[in-house]
Amino acid sequence: MDVILWDGENTFPVKIENFKQFLKKYLTSLNYVDLLSDTPFHYDPENDEFLNPDIQAYYYLWSIS
């Protein structure tokens, strides 16, 4: 069974909450906070990936560091 967690509707795992905080701080430090201001975080925990390719790219880099 596939489960997708939608921002604001479900509690994300701690790892994903940490990533969201990191990404928001990182984008704020670069003055790019509006880059994701209207972008929802849709996460698929079974595949450990975000459905939005921009967020997934940041997540991939964050997860391997």
N, C-alpha and C. Protein backbone atom coordinates (compact mmCIF):
# COMPACT_ATOMS: atom_id res chain seq x y z
N MET A 1 0.84 -1.18 0.00
CA MET A 1 0.00 0.00 0.00
C MET A 1 0.88 1.24 0.00
N ASP A 2 0.64 2.15 -0.92
CA ASP A 2 1.40 3.38 -0.99
C ASP A 2 0.78 4.43 -0.07
N VAL A 3 1.65 5.13 0.64
CA VAL A 3 1.22 6.20 1.54
C VAL A 3 2.01 7.44 1.17
N ILE A 4 1.32 8.55 1.01
CA ILE A 4 1.97 9.82 0.74
C ILE A 4 1.54 10.79 1.82
N LEU A 5 2.53 11.44 2.44
CA LEU A 5 2.25 12.39 3.49
C LEU A 5 2.19 13.78 2.90
N TRP A 6 1.11 14.50 3.19
CA TRP A 6 0.90 15.84 2.66
C TRP A 6 1.20 16.86 3.74
N ASP A 7 1.92 17.88 3.39
CA ASP A 7 2.27 18.94 4.32
C ASP A 7 1.00 19.54 4.93
N GLY A 8 0.97 19.62 6.25
CA GLY A 8 -0.18 20.21 6.92
C GLY A 8 -1.27 19.21 7.28
N GLU A 9 -1.25 18.03 6.68
CA GLU A 9 -2.29 17.04 6.95
C GLU A 9 -1.79 15.91 7.84
N ASN A 10 -0.52 15.61 7.79
CA ASN A 10 0.04 14.50 8.55
C ASN A 10 1.31 14.96 9.25
N THR A 11 1.70 14.21 10.25
CA THR A 11 2.96 14.46 10.91
C THR A 11 4.06 13.74 10.16
N PHE A 12 5.06 14.50 9.73
CA PHE A 12 6.18 13.90 9.02
C PHE A 12 7.11 13.19 10.00
N PRO A 13 7.87 12.20 9.52
CA PRO A 13 8.90 11.60 10.37
C PRO A 13 9.92 12.67 10.78
N VAL A 14 10.61 12.43 11.88
CA VAL A 14 11.58 13.40 12.41
C VAL A 14 12.62 13.78 11.36
N LYS A 15 13.09 12.81 10.61
CA LYS A 15 14.10 13.06 9.56
C LYS A 15 13.60 14.10 8.56
N ILE A 16 12.35 14.00 8.17
CA ILE A 16 11.78 14.92 7.18
C ILE A 16 11.55 16.29 7.80
N GLU A 17 11.12 16.34 9.05
CA GLU A 17 10.98 17.63 9.72
C GLU A 17 12.33 18.33 9.82
N ASN A 18 13.39 17.57 10.13
CA ASN A 18 14.74 18.15 10.18
C ASN A 18 15.16 18.69 8.82
N PHE A 19 14.84 17.96 7.78
CA PHE A 19 15.16 18.43 6.42
C PHE A 19 14.41 19.71 6.09
N LYS A 20 13.11 19.75 6.41
CA LYS A 20 12.31 20.95 6.13
C LYS A 20 12.90 22.17 6.85
N GLN A 21 13.29 22.00 8.10
CA GLN A 21 13.89 23.11 8.85
C GLN A 21 15.20 23.54 8.22
N PHE A 22 16.03 22.56 7.84
CA PHE A 22 17.29 22.88 7.18
C PHE A 22 17.06 23.65 5.89
N LEU A 23 16.14 23.16 5.06
CA LEU A 23 15.91 23.78 3.75
C LEU A 23 15.41 25.21 3.91
N LYS A 24 14.50 25.42 4.83
CA LYS A 24 13.98 26.77 5.04
C LYS A 24 15.07 27.71 5.54
N LYS A 25 15.92 27.24 6.46
CA LYS A 25 17.03 28.06 6.95
C LYS A 25 18.03 28.34 5.84
N TYR A 26 18.33 27.33 5.05
CA TYR A 26 19.28 27.48 3.94
C TYR A 26 18.78 28.49 2.92
N LEU A 27 17.54 28.36 2.51
CA LEU A 27 16.98 29.28 1.52
C LEU A 27 16.85 30.69 2.08
N THR A 28 16.55 30.81 3.37
CA THR A 28 16.49 32.12 4.00
C THR A 28 17.85 32.78 3.99
N SER A 29 18.90 32.01 4.26
CA SER A 29 20.26 32.56 4.29
C SER A 29 20.69 33.07 2.92
N LEU A 30 20.09 32.53 1.87
CA LEU A 30 20.42 32.94 0.50
C LEU A 30 19.40 33.94 -0.06
N ASN A 31 18.45 34.35 0.78
CA ASN A 31 17.36 35.23 0.36
C ASN A 31 16.52 34.63 -0.76
N TYR A 32 16.36 33.32 -0.73
CA TYR A 32 15.53 32.61 -1.71
C TYR A 32 14.32 31.97 -1.06
N VAL A 33 13.90 32.49 0.08
CA VAL A 33 12.82 31.86 0.82
C VAL A 33 11.53 31.76 0.00
N ASP A 34 11.29 32.71 -0.91
CA ASP A 34 10.06 32.64 -1.72
C ASP A 34 10.13 31.55 -2.78
N LEU A 35 11.31 30.97 -2.98
CA LEU A 35 11.44 29.90 -3.96
C LEU A 35 10.49 28.75 -3.65
N LEU A 36 10.30 28.46 -2.37
CA LEU A 36 9.41 27.37 -1.98
C LEU A 36 8.22 27.83 -1.16
N SER A 37 7.95 29.13 -1.17
CA SER A 37 6.88 29.65 -0.32
C SER A 37 5.51 29.06 -0.64
N ASP A 38 5.23 28.77 -1.89
CA ASP A 38 3.94 28.20 -2.28
C ASP A 38 4.06 26.73 -2.66
N THR A 39 5.19 26.13 -2.33
CA THR A 39 5.44 24.75 -2.72
C THR A 39 5.13 23.82 -1.55
N PRO A 40 4.13 22.96 -1.70
CA PRO A 40 3.83 22.01 -0.61
C PRO A 40 4.87 20.88 -0.57
N PHE A 41 5.08 20.36 0.62
CA PHE A 41 5.97 19.22 0.80
C PHE A 41 5.13 17.95 0.75
N HIS A 42 5.18 17.25 -0.35
CA HIS A 42 4.48 15.97 -0.50
C HIS A 42 5.54 14.88 -0.49
N TYR A 43 5.48 14.04 0.52
CA TYR A 43 6.53 13.06 0.76
C TYR A 43 5.98 11.64 0.71
N ASP A 44 6.69 10.77 0.03
CA ASP A 44 6.34 9.35 -0.06
C ASP A 44 7.31 8.57 0.83
N PRO A 45 6.87 8.16 2.03
CA PRO A 45 7.79 7.49 2.95
C PRO A 45 8.23 6.10 2.48
N GLU A 46 7.44 5.44 1.68
CA GLU A 46 7.83 4.11 1.21
C GLU A 46 9.01 4.18 0.26
N ASN A 47 9.10 5.25 -0.52
CA ASN A 47 10.21 5.41 -1.45
C ASN A 47 11.23 6.43 -0.96
N ASP A 48 10.97 7.02 0.21
CA ASP A 48 11.83 8.05 0.80
C ASP A 48 12.16 9.14 -0.21
N GLU A 49 11.08 9.73 -0.77
CA GLU A 49 11.29 10.79 -1.74
C GLU A 49 10.13 11.78 -1.72
N PHE A 50 10.43 12.98 -2.21
CA PHE A 50 9.41 14.02 -2.37
C PHE A 50 8.89 13.98 -3.78
N LEU A 51 7.62 14.32 -3.96
CA LEU A 51 7.03 14.31 -5.29
C LEU A 51 7.43 15.52 -6.11
N ASN A 52 7.77 16.62 -5.44
CA ASN A 52 8.23 17.82 -6.13
C ASN A 52 9.71 17.64 -6.49
N PRO A 53 10.08 17.72 -7.77
CA PRO A 53 11.47 17.47 -8.16
C PRO A 53 12.46 18.47 -7.58
N ASP A 54 12.06 19.73 -7.37
CA ASP A 54 12.97 20.71 -6.78
C ASP A 54 13.30 20.35 -5.34
N ILE A 55 12.27 20.02 -4.57
CA ILE A 55 12.50 19.62 -3.19
C ILE A 55 13.28 18.32 -3.14
N GLN A 56 12.98 17.39 -4.02
CA GLN A 56 13.68 16.11 -4.05
C GLN A 56 15.17 16.31 -4.33
N ALA A 57 15.52 17.24 -5.19
CA ALA A 57 16.93 17.50 -5.49
C ALA A 57 17.66 17.99 -4.24
N TYR A 58 17.06 18.94 -3.52
CA TYR A 58 17.65 19.40 -2.25
C TYR A 58 17.72 18.24 -1.24
N TYR A 59 16.66 17.47 -1.16
CA TYR A 59 16.61 16.36 -0.20
C TYR A 59 17.71 15.34 -0.50
N TYR A 60 17.92 15.04 -1.74
CA TYR A 60 18.95 14.08 -2.12
C TYR A 60 20.32 14.57 -1.66
N LEU A 61 20.63 15.83 -1.96
CA LEU A 61 21.92 16.39 -1.55
C LEU A 61 22.07 16.41 -0.03
N TRP A 62 20.99 16.78 0.66
CA TRP A 62 21.00 16.82 2.12
C TRP A 62 21.21 15.42 2.70
N SER A 63 20.55 14.43 2.13
CA SER A 63 20.59 13.09 2.69
C SER A 63 21.93 12.40 2.49
N ILE A 64 22.70 12.78 1.48
CA ILE A 64 24.00 12.15 1.27
C ILE A 64 25.13 12.90 1.97
N SER A 65 24.82 14.07 2.53
CA SER A 65 25.88 14.82 3.20
C SER A 65 26.10 14.36 4.63
